[in-house]
């Protein structure tokens, strides 16, 4: 499975996931196994090394997640990887390049974040207050996060647009208010 010609769709009001081949949108790709967390909404996902990966989100009963899962084509299953440093619902993510995935902002149920995390294979993993934890490999899924630059403001439901190799535009979103 290659990420460059595919769109990965997940979340909504069910555990369903779907991959659409943009070169043949009328020929759906095979269905995936059901996502392991029930009724996840507001998660972020991408292809990393040709494999779909999903992180964060929340359940319909407002359990907020920091968990990440990678899909294994060989046995049609989701494998739990290491978690992000924060629980993030309606965060936004973008591929910086072919190996780095930038996850920004989000809402934890009580806090909106301006913090960010960058996934990069082989860089180690940091968690919570960014205390280093050793890399682990679980069925070929190695998830490595490290803190990225803070956003200027706390935000969720925002958009990131890659302008070129060195610039990413952050637009829209909501701060938390009651």
Protein backbone atom coordinates (compact mmCIF):
# COMPACT_ATOMS: atom_id res chain seq x y z
CA UNK A 1 0.00 0.00 0.00
CA UNK A 2 1.44 3.38 -0.96
CA UNK A 3 0.36 6.63 0.69
CA UNK A 4 1.16 8.93 -2.23
CA UNK A 5 -1.87 7.95 -4.32
CA UNK A 6 -4.25 7.17 -1.49
CA UNK A 7 -6.47 9.12 0.87
CA UNK A 8 -6.98 7.60 4.31
CA UNK A 9 -10.41 8.28 5.85
CA UNK A 10 -11.22 7.38 9.47
CA UNK A 11 -13.37 8.49 12.37
CA UNK A 12 -16.83 9.99 12.28
CA UNK A 13 -19.57 8.26 14.22
CA UNK A 14 -18.29 4.71 13.72
CA UNK A 15 -15.10 2.67 13.94
CA UNK A 16 -14.88 2.45 10.17
CA UNK A 17 -11.80 3.25 8.15
CA UNK A 18 -11.40 3.47 4.42
CA UNK A 19 -8.63 4.03 1.90
CA UNK A 20 -9.48 5.64 -1.43
CA UNK A 21 -7.14 5.33 -4.41
CA UNK A 22 -7.23 8.79 -6.02
CA UNK A 23 -6.24 7.27 -9.37
CA UNK A 24 -9.32 4.98 -9.31
CA UNK A 25 -11.88 6.60 -6.98
CA UNK A 26 -14.67 4.33 -8.23
CA UNK A 27 -12.72 1.20 -7.30
CA UNK A 28 -12.63 1.12 -3.48
CA UNK A 29 -9.66 -0.38 -1.74
CA UNK A 30 -10.31 -3.44 0.46
CA UNK A 31 -12.04 -2.71 3.78
CA UNK A 32 -9.93 -2.48 6.93
CA UNK A 33 -10.45 -4.27 10.22
CA UNK A 34 -12.56 -2.28 12.68
CA UNK A 35 -10.57 0.39 14.52
CA UNK A 36 -9.86 -0.82 18.10
CA UNK A 37 -11.22 2.19 20.00
CA UNK A 38 -15.02 2.56 20.00
CA UNK A 39 -16.65 5.44 18.12
CA UNK A 40 -13.53 7.58 17.81
CA UNK A 41 -14.10 11.13 16.66
CA UNK A 42 -11.59 13.90 16.00
CA UNK A 43 -8.52 11.66 15.56
CA UNK A 44 -5.66 12.45 13.18
CA UNK A 45 -4.26 10.01 10.65
CA UNK A 46 -1.74 9.67 7.87
CA UNK A 47 0.39 7.16 6.00
CA UNK A 48 3.82 6.57 7.54
CA UNK A 49 6.15 4.31 5.57
CA UNK A 50 3.13 3.26 3.50
CA UNK A 51 1.13 2.24 6.58
CA UNK A 52 -2.00 4.03 7.90
CA UNK A 53 -1.47 5.42 11.41
CA UNK A 54 -4.16 7.03 13.60
CA UNK A 55 -3.61 8.97 16.85
CA UNK A 56 -5.78 10.65 19.46
CA UNK A 57 -9.46 11.52 19.26
CA UNK A 58 -12.25 10.92 21.74
CA UNK A 59 -15.08 8.46 22.28
CA UNK A 60 -18.79 9.23 22.27
CA UNK A 61 -18.69 9.27 26.11
CA UNK A 62 -15.88 11.85 26.03
CA UNK A 63 -12.91 9.65 26.88
CA UNK A 64 -9.98 11.52 25.33
CA UNK A 65 -7.14 9.50 23.79
CA UNK A 66 -3.40 9.82 23.38
CA UNK A 67 -3.16 6.34 21.82
CA UNK A 68 -1.73 5.65 18.37
CA UNK A 69 -2.49 2.60 16.22
CA UNK A 70 -0.90 1.43 12.99
CA UNK A 71 -2.59 -0.82 10.47
CA UNK A 72 -0.86 -4.06 9.49
CA UNK A 73 -1.95 -5.17 6.02
CA UNK A 74 -0.49 -8.69 6.35
CA UNK A 75 -2.96 -9.77 9.04
CA UNK A 76 -5.66 -7.07 8.61
CA UNK A 77 -5.26 -5.73 12.14
CA UNK A 78 -4.53 -2.57 14.09
CA UNK A 79 -1.45 -2.63 16.32
CA UNK A 80 -1.11 -0.27 19.30
CA UNK A 81 2.03 1.83 19.21
CA UNK A 82 3.40 4.21 21.79
CA UNK A 83 1.13 7.07 22.78
CA UNK A 84 1.50 10.77 22.12
CA UNK A 85 2.62 13.00 24.98
CA UNK A 86 -0.86 14.57 25.31
CA UNK A 87 -4.46 13.47 24.80
CA UNK A 88 -5.50 15.27 21.63
CA UNK A 89 -9.02 15.61 20.18
CA UNK A 90 -9.50 17.64 16.99
CA UNK A 91 -5.78 18.28 16.74
CA UNK A 92 -4.42 18.86 13.26
CA UNK A 93 -1.55 17.05 11.64
CA UNK A 94 0.49 17.36 8.47
CA UNK A 95 3.40 15.49 6.93
CA UNK A 96 6.46 17.76 7.10
CA UNK A 97 8.31 15.48 4.71
CA UNK A 98 8.25 11.75 3.90
CA UNK A 99 9.37 10.77 7.43
CA UNK A 100 8.12 13.48 9.84
CA UNK A 101 4.49 13.99 10.93
CA UNK A 102 3.63 17.16 12.88
CA UNK A 103 0.64 16.95 15.27
CA UNK A 104 -0.50 20.34 16.55
CA UNK A 105 -2.89 21.75 19.15
CA UNK A 106 -6.02 19.87 20.13
CA UNK A 107 -8.39 19.65 23.07
CA UNK A 108 -8.08 17.24 26.04
CA UNK A 109 -11.53 17.75 27.55
CA UNK A 110 -10.17 20.36 29.97
CA UNK A 111 -7.33 22.07 28.09
CA UNK A 112 -6.68 23.40 24.59
CA UNK A 113 -3.04 23.04 23.59
CA UNK A 114 -0.57 25.20 21.76
CA UNK A 115 1.96 22.37 22.11
CA UNK A 116 2.95 20.16 19.20
CA UNK A 117 4.55 16.75 18.72
CA UNK A 118 6.61 15.47 15.83
CA UNK A 119 6.72 11.82 14.85
CA UNK A 120 10.06 10.78 13.40
CA UNK A 121 11.34 7.21 13.22
CA UNK A 122 14.44 6.57 15.29
CA UNK A 123 14.43 9.81 17.30
CA UNK A 124 13.15 8.32 20.54
CA UNK A 125 9.87 8.95 22.28
CA UNK A 126 8.94 11.53 24.86
CA UNK A 127 5.82 11.51 26.95
CA UNK A 128 3.83 13.84 29.22
CA UNK A 129 6.40 16.30 30.51
CA UNK A 130 8.74 14.95 27.83
CA UNK A 131 10.67 12.50 29.97
CA UNK A 132 12.52 10.19 27.54
CA UNK A 133 11.21 6.65 27.21
CA UNK A 134 13.02 3.94 25.26
CA UNK A 135 11.82 3.12 21.76
CA UNK A 136 9.78 -0.03 21.50
CA UNK A 137 8.88 -2.06 18.47
CA UNK A 138 5.53 -3.82 18.38
CA UNK A 139 4.83 -5.87 15.29
CA UNK A 140 6.96 -3.53 13.17
CA UNK A 141 5.17 -0.39 14.40
CA UNK A 142 7.73 1.97 15.88
CA UNK A 143 6.27 5.30 16.95
CA UNK A 144 8.71 8.01 17.95
CA UNK A 145 7.51 11.42 19.10
CA UNK A 146 9.43 14.44 20.29
CA UNK A 147 8.19 17.93 21.18
CA UNK A 148 7.79 20.34 18.30
CA UNK A 149 7.62 24.14 18.38
CA UNK A 150 4.68 25.66 20.25
CA UNK A 151 1.93 27.33 18.25
CA UNK A 152 1.47 31.07 18.93
CA UNK A 153 -2.00 30.44 20.43
CA UNK A 154 -3.94 27.50 21.87
CA UNK A 155 -6.17 26.03 19.16
CA UNK A 156 -8.16 23.05 17.94
CA UNK A 157 -10.14 22.42 14.73
CA UNK A 158 -7.54 24.40 12.79
CA UNK A 159 -5.99 23.70 9.39
CA UNK A 160 -2.37 23.31 8.34
CA UNK A 161 -1.39 23.90 4.72
CA UNK A 162 2.08 23.11 3.44
CA UNK A 163 3.25 26.09 1.39
CA UNK A 164 6.67 24.69 0.45
CA UNK A 165 9.51 22.61 1.96
CA UNK A 166 10.15 25.16 4.73
CA UNK A 167 6.78 26.84 5.43
CA UNK A 168 3.49 25.53 6.83
CA UNK A 169 0.50 27.87 7.15
CA UNK A 170 -1.72 27.51 10.26
CA UNK A 171 -5.20 28.97 9.76
CA UNK A 172 -8.53 29.01 11.59
CA UNK A 173 -9.35 27.00 14.67
CA UNK A 174 -10.91 27.73 17.99
CA UNK A 175 -9.51 28.71 21.39
CA UNK A 176 -11.22 27.20 24.42
CA UNK A 177 -13.88 29.30 26.08
CA UNK A 178 -16.89 28.55 28.28
